[in-house]
Amino acid sequence: MSNLDNELRKTPRDEKTAWIYALQECPDLVGDSHKLLFLRCEVFRADLAASRIVKYWQKRKEIFGKEKAFQALTYDNLFKTKNEHTALFSGFWHFVTVNDSGRGILFCDPSLSIQKRVSHKTAIQTVWYVVHAALESESVQKKGIVVLVNGREFSFAHFDKNFATLFISCFKGCLPIRISAFQLCHPPKIFKVIWPFFRLLLGPVLRKRVLITSGSDEDVVKKLGKYGMIRDQIPSKVGGNLDFDIETWAKDRCVLGL
């Protein structure tokens, strides 16, 4: 922790303006437990953790604006308008569970195309909220997440280059979470066409985390089972038994002040 603090002090001031502002405006949000998220994400490399913290707060300010960025990312603080609720309840992106190995399972259904109904930043705010919900688990902080992506209904009509770029930028050296895998289930027919774009965008590290899981629903469930996911933890959209109620999940968190 002291090494991390030293690395942060060494970072040029003009690169860490959002971090400095956070220290001033919301010191309760940037204490040791916050820093520990970044140290765990970078396997206790203090220099990399410092770089990620600085980038995280700059991106957080960019996405949420000054009004929201330096508040706790709770349901009450983030979801007040109709569009914000649309983004959260759409099912585009949500936290499923923590599996038996301690990894978080998140689900993404890009065919829902919420970015065509709400602004890109509003949609991305939902992504951040869900990731932070997953990070409430200490085992997820240590072991990371698996993202299940439903490719079954995805088509060119759902493809948004600008949104994809913003989405991936939040995970590359920014959000304090380790991605074990992007499991693309039921890859769409256009996958070979759009993959070169995503391959370049993901970069060498995240690119290695993309796994293709094809075949029948039964095939997909069996393949996911090799990664510690049981049928009851896999959303029904990709062949499992789980029907996730996002509104109930969100309202329960609201009651708890999360």
C-alpha atoms as a PDB file:
ATOM      1  CA  MET A   1       0.000   0.000   0.000  1.00  0.00           C
ATOM      2  CA  SER A   2       2.843   2.394   0.808  1.00  0.00           C
ATOM      3  CA  ASN A   3       4.449   1.548  -2.554  1.00  0.00           C
ATOM      4  CA  LEU A   4       1.165   2.375  -4.276  1.00  0.00           C
ATOM      5  CA  ASP A   5       0.936   5.717  -2.451  1.00  0.00           C
ATOM      6  CA  ASN A   6       4.492   6.470  -3.521  1.00  0.00           C
ATOM      7  CA  GLU A   7       3.703   5.650  -7.159  1.00  0.00           C
ATOM      8  CA  LEU A   8       0.660   7.926  -7.019  1.00  0.00           C
ATOM      9  CA  ARG A   9       2.761  10.760  -5.629  1.00  0.00           C
ATOM     10  CA  LYS A  10       5.269  10.300  -8.473  1.00  0.00           C
ATOM     11  CA  THR A  11       2.556  10.477 -11.142  1.00  0.00           C
ATOM     12  CA  PRO A  12       2.656  13.870 -12.920  1.00  0.00           C
ATOM     13  CA  ARG A  13      -0.015  16.193 -11.553  1.00  0.00           C
ATOM     14  CA  ASP A  14      -1.579  16.904 -14.944  1.00  0.00           C
ATOM     15  CA  GLU A  15      -2.229  13.155 -15.383  1.00  0.00           C
ATOM     16  CA  LYS A  16      -4.031  12.710 -12.077  1.00  0.00           C
ATOM     17  CA  THR A  17      -6.345  15.738 -11.842  1.00  0.00           C
ATOM     18  CA  ALA A  18      -9.468  13.572 -11.393  1.00  0.00           C
ATOM     19  CA  TRP A  19      -7.733  11.492  -8.714  1.00  0.00           C
ATOM     20  CA  ILE A  20      -6.694  14.645  -6.811  1.00  0.00           C
ATOM     21  CA  TYR A  21     -10.253  15.939  -7.048  1.00  0.00           C
ATOM     22  CA  ALA A  22     -11.562  12.641  -5.679  1.00  0.00           C
ATOM     23  CA  LEU A  23      -9.169  12.880  -2.719  1.00  0.00           C
ATOM     24  CA  GLN A  24     -10.585  16.317  -1.975  1.00  0.00           C
ATOM     25  CA  GLU A  25     -14.285  15.757  -2.692  1.00  0.00           C
ATOM     26  CA  CYS A  26     -14.920  12.149  -1.634  1.00  0.00           C
ATOM     27  CA  PRO A  27     -12.086  10.967   0.644  1.00  0.00           C
ATOM     28  CA  ASP A  28     -14.368   8.268   2.078  1.00  0.00           C
ATOM     29  CA  LEU A  29     -14.493   6.614  -1.365  1.00  0.00           C
ATOM     30  CA  VAL A  30     -10.747   6.477  -1.992  1.00  0.00           C
ATOM     31  CA  GLY A  31      -9.359   4.894   1.168  1.00  0.00           C
ATOM     32  CA  ASP A  32      -7.327   1.723   1.546  1.00  0.00           C
ATOM     33  CA  SER A  33     -10.205  -0.616   0.616  1.00  0.00           C
ATOM     34  CA  HIS A  34     -10.555   1.262  -2.691  1.00  0.00           C
ATOM     35  CA  LYS A  35      -6.824   1.082  -3.374  1.00  0.00           C
ATOM     36  CA  LEU A  36      -6.835  -2.615  -2.548  1.00  0.00           C
ATOM     37  CA  LEU A  37      -9.197  -3.241  -5.490  1.00  0.00           C
ATOM     38  CA  PHE A  38      -6.515  -1.971  -7.852  1.00  0.00           C
ATOM     39  CA  LEU A  39      -3.665  -3.787  -6.139  1.00  0.00           C
ATOM     40  CA  ARG A  40      -5.543  -7.083  -6.356  1.00  0.00           C
ATOM     41  CA  CYS A  41      -6.440  -6.429  -9.977  1.00  0.00           C
ATOM     42  CA  GLU A  42      -2.774  -5.875 -10.853  1.00  0.00           C
ATOM     43  CA  VAL A  43      -1.552  -8.739  -8.641  1.00  0.00           C
ATOM     44  CA  PHE A  44       0.090  -6.230  -6.264  1.00  0.00           C
ATOM     45  CA  ARG A  45       2.194  -4.452  -8.892  1.00  0.00           C
ATOM     46  CA  ALA A  46       2.078  -0.998  -7.304  1.00  0.00           C
ATOM     47  CA  ASP A  47       3.140   0.856 -10.465  1.00  0.00           C
ATOM     48  CA  LEU A  48       0.405  -0.747 -12.575  1.00  0.00           C
ATOM     49  CA  ALA A  49      -2.169  -0.245  -9.819  1.00  0.00           C
ATOM     50  CA  ALA A  50      -1.317   3.464  -9.624  1.00  0.00           C
ATOM     51  CA  SER A  51      -1.659   3.826 -13.385  1.00  0.00           C
ATOM     52  CA  ARG A  52      -5.033   2.059 -13.281  1.00  0.00           C
ATOM     53  CA  ILE A  53      -6.338   4.255 -10.439  1.00  0.00           C
ATOM     54  CA  VAL A  54      -5.447   7.434 -12.296  1.00  0.00           C
ATOM     55  CA  LYS A  55      -7.046   6.186 -15.504  1.00  0.00           C
ATOM     56  CA  TYR A  56     -10.090   4.919 -13.611  1.00  0.00           C
ATOM     57  CA  TRP A  57     -10.910   8.291 -12.058  1.00  0.00           C
ATOM     58  CA  GLN A  58     -10.345  10.134 -15.307  1.00  0.00           C
ATOM     59  CA  LYS A  59     -12.720   7.745 -17.096  1.00  0.00           C
ATOM     60  CA  ARG A  60     -15.223   7.858 -14.221  1.00  0.00           C
ATOM     61  CA  LYS A  61     -15.358  11.662 -14.492  1.00  0.00           C
ATOM     62  CA  GLU A  62     -15.736  11.422 -18.277  1.00  0.00           C
ATOM     63  CA  ILE A  63     -18.619   8.951 -18.099  1.00  0.00           C
ATOM     64  CA  PHE A  64     -20.566  10.204 -15.090  1.00  0.00           C
ATOM     65  CA  GLY A  65     -19.759  13.895 -15.206  1.00  0.00           C
ATOM     66  CA  LYS A  66     -18.645  15.927 -12.204  1.00  0.00           C
ATOM     67  CA  GLU A  67     -22.054  15.743 -10.553  1.00  0.00           C
ATOM     68  CA  LYS A  68     -22.142  11.930 -10.255  1.00  0.00           C
ATOM     69  CA  ALA A  69     -18.518  10.813 -10.574  1.00  0.00           C
ATOM     70  CA  PHE A  70     -17.510  11.775  -7.061  1.00  0.00           C
ATOM     71  CA  GLN A  71     -20.523  10.239  -5.353  1.00  0.00           C
ATOM     72  CA  ALA A  72     -20.888   6.596  -4.362  1.00  0.00           C
ATOM     73  CA  LEU A  73     -22.068   4.531  -7.345  1.00  0.00           C
ATOM     74  CA  THR A  74     -25.338   3.475  -5.719  1.00  0.00           C
ATOM     75  CA  TYR A  75     -28.742   2.808  -7.257  1.00  0.00           C
ATOM     76  CA  ASP A  76     -30.222   5.969  -5.734  1.00  0.00           C
ATOM     77  CA  ASN A  77     -27.384   8.157  -7.011  1.00  0.00           C
ATOM     78  CA  LEU A  78     -27.270   6.769 -10.548  1.00  0.00           C
ATOM     79  CA  PHE A  79     -30.757   5.741 -11.627  1.00  0.00           C
ATOM     80  CA  LYS A  80     -33.198   8.624 -11.423  1.00  0.00           C
ATOM     81  CA  THR A  81     -34.520   9.192 -14.955  1.00  0.00           C
ATOM     82  CA  LYS A  82     -36.558   6.989 -17.276  1.00  0.00           C
ATOM     83  CA  ASN A  83     -33.592   6.507 -19.613  1.00  0.00           C
ATOM     84  CA  GLU A  84     -31.313   5.480 -16.759  1.00  0.00           C
ATOM     85  CA  HIS A  85     -33.826   2.864 -15.612  1.00  0.00           C
ATOM     86  CA  THR A  86     -34.228   1.685 -19.212  1.00  0.00           C
ATOM     87  CA  ALA A  87     -30.482   1.079 -19.416  1.00  0.00           C
ATOM     88  CA  LEU A  88     -30.349  -0.882 -16.172  1.00  0.00           C
ATOM     89  CA  PHE A  89     -33.493  -2.983 -16.646  1.00  0.00           C
ATOM     90  CA  SER A  90     -32.933  -3.802 -20.311  1.00  0.00           C
ATOM     91  CA  GLY A  91     -30.957  -6.970 -19.585  1.00  0.00           C
ATOM     92  CA  PHE A  92     -28.103  -5.826 -21.797  1.00  0.00           C
ATOM     93  CA  TRP A  93     -25.620  -6.245 -18.955  1.00  0.00           C
ATOM     94  CA  HIS A  94     -26.064  -7.706 -15.491  1.00  0.00           C
ATOM     95  CA  PHE A  95     -24.382  -9.538 -12.637  1.00  0.00           C
ATOM     96  CA  VAL A  96     -25.523 -13.158 -12.393  1.00  0.00           C
ATOM     97  CA  THR A  97     -23.748 -14.762  -9.434  1.00  0.00           C
ATOM     98  CA  VAL A  98     -20.423 -15.874  -7.973  1.00  0.00           C
ATOM     99  CA  ASN A  99     -19.616 -19.432  -9.031  1.00  0.00           C
ATOM    100  CA  ASP A 100     -18.101 -22.175  -6.889  1.00  0.00           C
ATOM    101  CA  SER A 101     -14.568 -21.163  -7.839  1.00  0.00           C
ATOM    102  CA  GLY A 102     -15.160 -17.622  -6.567  1.00  0.00           C
ATOM    103  CA  ARG A 103     -15.372 -15.880  -9.926  1.00  0.00           C
ATOM    104  CA  GLY A 104     -18.169 -13.494 -10.752  1.00  0.00           C
ATOM    105  CA  ILE A 105     -20.406 -14.351 -13.697  1.00  0.00           C
ATOM    106  CA  LEU A 106     -21.668 -11.385 -15.707  1.00  0.00           C
ATOM    107  CA  PHE A 107     -24.011 -11.596 -18.660  1.00  0.00           C
ATOM    108  CA  CYS A 108     -24.074  -9.439 -21.779  1.00  0.00           C
ATOM    109  CA  ASP A 109     -26.710  -9.525 -24.511  1.00  0.00           C
ATOM    110  CA  PRO A 110     -25.590  -7.049 -27.217  1.00  0.00           C
ATOM    111  CA  SER A 111     -28.666  -7.796 -29.330  1.00  0.00           C
ATOM    112  CA  LEU A 112     -30.736  -5.655 -26.949  1.00  0.00           C
ATOM    113  CA  SER A 113     -29.001  -2.555 -28.335  1.00  0.00           C
ATOM    114  CA  ILE A 114     -29.839  -0.170 -25.494  1.00  0.00           C
ATOM    115  CA  GLN A 115     -27.310   2.276 -26.906  1.00  0.00           C
ATOM    116  CA  LYS A 116     -29.859   3.022 -29.648  1.00  0.00           C
ATOM    117  CA  ARG A 117     -32.434   4.029 -27.016  1.00  0.00           C
ATOM    118  CA  VAL A 118     -30.211   5.836 -24.534  1.00  0.00           C
ATOM    119  CA  SER A 119     -26.925   7.713 -24.795  1.00  0.00           C
ATOM    120  CA  HIS A 120     -23.690   5.762 -24.871  1.00  0.00           C
ATOM    121  CA  LYS A 121     -22.640   7.209 -21.540  1.00  0.00           C
ATOM    122  CA  THR A 122     -25.931   6.271 -19.881  1.00  0.00           C
ATOM    123  CA  ALA A 123     -25.527   2.701 -21.118  1.00  0.00           C
ATOM    124  CA  ILE A 124     -21.928   2.571 -19.904  1.00  0.00           C
ATOM    125  CA  GLN A 125     -22.952   3.862 -16.477  1.00  0.00           C
ATOM    126  CA  THR A 126     -24.967   0.660 -16.129  1.00  0.00           C
ATOM    127  CA  VAL A 127     -21.854  -1.363 -16.989  1.00  0.00           C
ATOM    128  CA  TRP A 128     -19.899   0.397 -14.248  1.00  0.00           C
ATOM    129  CA  TYR A 129     -22.659  -0.071 -11.680  1.00  0.00           C
ATOM    130  CA  VAL A 130     -22.869  -3.799 -12.352  1.00  0.00           C
ATOM    131  CA  VAL A 131     -19.084  -4.254 -12.239  1.00  0.00           C
ATOM    132  CA  HIS A 132     -18.949  -2.480  -8.888  1.00  0.00           C
ATOM    133  CA  ALA A 133     -21.755  -4.718  -7.618  1.00  0.00           C
ATOM    134  CA  ALA A 134     -19.617  -7.733  -8.546  1.00  0.00           C
ATOM    135  CA  LEU A 135     -16.610  -6.194  -6.788  1.00  0.00           C
ATOM    136  CA  GLU A 136     -18.491  -6.221  -3.486  1.00  0.00           C
ATOM    137  CA  SER A 137     -17.423  -9.880  -3.334  1.00  0.00           C
ATOM    138  CA  GLU A 138     -13.882 -10.305  -2.019  1.00  0.00           C
ATOM    139  CA  SER A 139     -13.432 -13.488  -4.052  1.00  0.00           C
ATOM    140  CA  VAL A 140     -14.335 -11.601  -7.250  1.00  0.00           C
ATOM    141  CA  GLN A 141     -11.735  -8.959  -6.383  1.00  0.00           C
ATOM    142  CA  LYS A 142      -9.156 -11.730  -6.153  1.00  0.00           C
ATOM    143  CA  LYS A 143     -10.248 -14.065  -8.946  1.00  0.00           C
ATOM    144  CA  GLY A 144     -12.028 -11.806 -11.416  1.00  0.00           C
ATOM    145  CA  ILE A 145     -15.033 -12.374 -13.651  1.00  0.00           C
ATOM    146  CA  VAL A 146     -16.252 -14.413 -16.583  1.00  0.00           C
ATOM    147  CA  VAL A 147     -18.439 -12.520 -19.042  1.00  0.00           C
ATOM    148  CA  LEU A 148     -21.021 -14.647 -20.831  1.00  0.00           C
ATOM    149  CA  VAL A 149     -21.951 -12.994 -24.121  1.00  0.00           C
ATOM    150  CA  ASN A 150     -25.109 -14.068 -25.919  1.00  0.00           C
ATOM    151  CA  GLY A 151     -24.387 -13.898 -29.636  1.00  0.00           C
ATOM    152  CA  ARG A 152     -27.469 -15.779 -30.785  1.00  0.00           C
ATOM    153  CA  GLU A 153     -29.597 -12.831 -31.981  1.00  0.00           C
ATOM    154  CA  PHE A 154     -26.763 -10.422 -32.749  1.00  0.00           C
ATOM    155  CA  SER A 155     -26.708  -8.867 -36.235  1.00  0.00           C
ATOM    156  CA  PHE A 156     -25.248  -5.875 -38.068  1.00  0.00           C
ATOM    157  CA  ALA A 157     -28.249  -3.838 -36.920  1.00  0.00           C
ATOM    158  CA  HIS A 158     -26.947  -4.143 -33.359  1.00  0.00           C
ATOM    159  CA  PHE A 159     -23.336  -3.290 -34.137  1.00  0.00           C
ATOM    160  CA  ASP A 160     -22.210   0.124 -32.876  1.00  0.00           C
ATOM    161  CA  LYS A 161     -18.531   0.824 -33.364  1.00  0.00           C
ATOM    162  CA  ASN A 162     -18.438   3.867 -31.075  1.00  0.00           C
ATOM    163  CA  PHE A 163     -20.228   2.104 -28.233  1.00  0.00           C
ATOM    164  CA  ALA A 164     -17.981  -0.957 -28.535  1.00  0.00           C
ATOM    165  CA  THR A 165     -14.910   1.278 -28.381  1.00  0.00           C
ATOM    166  CA  LEU A 166     -16.149   3.043 -25.226  1.00  0.00           C
ATOM    167  CA  PHE A 167     -17.173  -0.248 -23.611  1.00  0.00           C
ATOM    168  CA  ILE A 168     -13.811  -1.926 -24.115  1.00  0.00           C
ATOM    169  CA  SER A 169     -11.860   1.186 -23.084  1.00  0.00           C
ATOM    170  CA  CYS A 170     -13.412   0.863 -19.617  1.00  0.00           C
ATOM    171  CA  PHE A 171     -11.785  -2.531 -19.117  1.00  0.00           C
ATOM    172  CA  LYS A 172      -8.353  -1.851 -20.607  1.00  0.00           C
ATOM    173  CA  GLY A 173      -6.279  -0.643 -17.660  1.00  0.00           C
ATOM    174  CA  CYS A 174      -9.237   1.126 -16.083  1.00  0.00           C
ATOM    175  CA  LEU A 175     -11.914  -0.730 -14.084  1.00  0.00           C
ATOM    176  CA  PRO A 176     -10.277  -2.647 -11.200  1.00  0.00           C
ATOM    177  CA  ILE A 177     -11.445  -6.076 -12.229  1.00  0.00           C
ATOM    178  CA  ARG A 178      -9.674  -9.035 -13.790  1.00  0.00           C
ATOM    179  CA  ILE A 179     -11.397 -10.672 -16.742  1.00  0.00           C
ATOM    180  CA  SER A 180     -10.805 -14.403 -16.815  1.00  0.00           C
ATOM    181  CA  ALA A 181     -12.733 -14.858 -20.052  1.00  0.00           C
ATOM    182  CA  PHE A 182     -15.236 -13.429 -22.480  1.00  0.00           C
ATOM    183  CA  GLN A 183     -17.270 -16.531 -23.311  1.00  0.00           C
ATOM    184  CA  LEU A 184     -19.028 -15.829 -26.609  1.00  0.00           C
ATOM    185  CA  CYS A 185     -21.935 -18.269 -26.632  1.00  0.00           C
ATOM    186  CA  HIS A 186     -23.682 -19.109 -29.916  1.00  0.00           C
ATOM    187  CA  PRO A 187     -21.444 -16.864 -32.073  1.00  0.00           C
ATOM    188  CA  PRO A 188     -23.438 -14.925 -34.695  1.00  0.00           C
ATOM    189  CA  LYS A 189     -23.060 -15.463 -38.423  1.00  0.00           C
ATOM    190  CA  ILE A 190     -21.350 -12.095 -38.758  1.00  0.00           C
ATOM    191  CA  PHE A 191     -18.681 -12.942 -36.187  1.00  0.00           C
ATOM    192  CA  LYS A 192     -15.952 -13.517 -38.784  1.00  0.00           C
ATOM    193  CA  VAL A 193     -16.734 -10.121 -40.298  1.00  0.00           C
ATOM    194  CA  ILE A 194     -16.641  -8.088 -37.066  1.00  0.00           C
ATOM    195  CA  TRP A 195     -13.915 -10.054 -35.265  1.00  0.00           C
ATOM    196  CA  PRO A 196     -10.977  -8.190 -36.928  1.00  0.00           C
ATOM    197  CA  PHE A 197     -12.351  -4.927 -35.505  1.00  0.00           C
ATOM    198  CA  PHE A 198     -12.811  -6.350 -32.012  1.00  0.00           C
ATOM    199  CA  ARG A 199      -9.474  -8.160 -32.191  1.00  0.00           C
ATOM    200  CA  LEU A 200      -7.681  -4.855 -32.767  1.00  0.00           C
ATOM    201  CA  LEU A 201      -9.772  -3.030 -30.178  1.00  0.00           C
ATOM    202  CA  LEU A 202      -9.239  -5.599 -27.422  1.00  0.00           C
ATOM    203  CA  GLY A 203      -5.472  -5.572 -27.651  1.00  0.00           C
ATOM    204  CA  PRO A 204      -3.146  -8.530 -26.995  1.00  0.00           C
ATOM    205  CA  VAL A 205      -4.156  -9.208 -23.365  1.00  0.00           C
ATOM    206  CA  LEU A 206      -7.964  -9.151 -23.581  1.00  0.00           C
ATOM    207  CA  ARG A 207      -7.849 -10.805 -26.998  1.00  0.00           C
ATOM    208  CA  LYS A 208      -6.489 -13.976 -25.387  1.00  0.00           C
ATOM    209  CA  ARG A 209      -9.480 -14.015 -23.029  1.00  0.00           C
ATOM    210  CA  VAL A 210     -12.063 -14.431 -25.810  1.00  0.00           C
ATOM    211  CA  LEU A 211     -13.392 -17.991 -25.995  1.00  0.00           C
ATOM    212  CA  ILE A 212     -15.918 -19.223 -28.539  1.00  0.00           C
ATOM    213  CA  THR A 213     -18.606 -21.565 -27.214  1.00  0.00           C
ATOM    214  CA  SER A 214     -20.791 -22.888 -30.012  1.00  0.00           C
ATOM    215  CA  GLY A 215     -23.133 -25.784 -30.694  1.00  0.00           C
ATOM    216  CA  SER A 216     -26.517 -26.673 -29.221  1.00  0.00           C
ATOM    217  CA  ASP A 217     -27.686 -25.339 -25.860  1.00  0.00           C
ATOM    218  CA  GLU A 218     -26.624 -28.625 -24.305  1.00  0.00           C
ATOM    219  CA  ASP A 219     -23.172 -28.332 -25.896  1.00  0.00           C
ATOM    220  CA  VAL A 220     -22.777 -24.797 -24.569  1.00  0.00           C
ATOM    221  CA  VAL A 221     -23.791 -25.777 -21.035  1.00  0.00           C
ATOM    222  CA  LYS A 222     -21.340 -28.693 -21.044  1.00  0.00           C
ATOM    223  CA  LYS A 223     -18.495 -26.523 -22.291  1.00  0.00           C
ATOM    224  CA  LEU A 224     -19.214 -23.827 -19.712  1.00  0.00           C
ATOM    225  CA  GLY A 225     -19.258 -26.534 -17.050  1.00  0.00           C
ATOM    226  CA  LYS A 226     -15.544 -27.039 -17.670  1.00  0.00           C
ATOM    227  CA  TYR A 227     -15.056 -23.475 -16.413  1.00  0.00           C
ATOM    228  CA  GLY A 228     -16.918 -24.011 -13.153  1.00  0.00           C
ATOM    229  CA  MET A 229     -20.400 -22.909 -14.241  1.00  0.00           C
ATOM    230  CA  ILE A 230     -23.366 -25.133 -13.485  1.00  0.00           C
ATOM    231  CA  ARG A 231     -26.622 -25.081 -15.441  1.00  0.00           C
ATOM    232  CA  ASP A 232     -28.480 -23.171 -12.701  1.00  0.00           C
ATOM    233  CA  GLN A 233     -25.904 -20.352 -12.914  1.00  0.00           C
ATOM    234  CA  ILE A 234     -26.182 -20.006 -16.697  1.00  0.00           C
ATOM    235  CA  PRO A 235     -28.853 -17.684 -18.156  1.00  0.00           C
ATOM    236  CA  SER A 236     -31.614 -19.395 -20.111  1.00  0.00           C
ATOM    237  CA  LYS A 237     -30.823 -17.214 -23.140  1.00  0.00           C
ATOM    238  CA  VAL A 238     -27.671 -19.265 -23.748  1.00  0.00           C
ATOM    239  CA  GLY A 239     -29.050 -22.649 -22.664  1.00  0.00           C
ATOM    240  CA  GLY A 240     -29.028 -22.676 -18.867  1.00  0.00           C
ATOM    241  CA  ASN A 241     -31.834 -22.720 -16.317  1.00  0.00           C
ATOM    242  CA  LEU A 242     -31.448 -19.227 -14.881  1.00  0.00           C
ATOM    243  CA  ASP A 243     -34.058 -16.546 -15.526  1.00  0.00           C
ATOM    244  CA  PHE A 244     -32.643 -13.432 -13.928  1.00  0.00           C
ATOM    245  CA  ASP A 245     -35.018 -10.777 -12.515  1.00  0.00           C
ATOM    246  CA  ILE A 246     -33.037  -7.559 -12.897  1.00  0.00           C
ATOM    247  CA  GLU A 247     -35.705  -5.270 -11.427  1.00  0.00           C
ATOM    248  CA  THR A 248     -35.983  -7.300  -8.223  1.00  0.00           C
ATOM    249  CA  TRP A 249     -32.186  -7.447  -7.937  1.00  0.00           C
ATOM    250  CA  ALA A 250     -31.888  -3.672  -8.420  1.00  0.00           C
ATOM    251  CA  LYS A 251     -34.712  -2.835  -6.015  1.00  0.00           C
ATOM    252  CA  ASP A 252     -33.218  -5.085  -3.347  1.00  0.00           C
ATOM    253  CA  ARG A 253     -29.952  -3.212  -3.724  1.00  0.00           C
ATOM    254  CA  CYS A 254     -31.792   0.073  -3.487  1.00  0.00           C
ATOM    255  CA  VAL A 255     -33.323  -0.963  -0.159  1.00  0.00           C
ATOM    256  CA  LEU A 256     -29.832  -1.811   1.101  1.00  0.00           C
ATOM    257  CA  GLY A 257     -28.448   1.528  -0.098  1.00  0.00           C
ATOM    258  CA  LEU A 258     -26.200  -0.151  -2.666  1.00  0.00           C
END
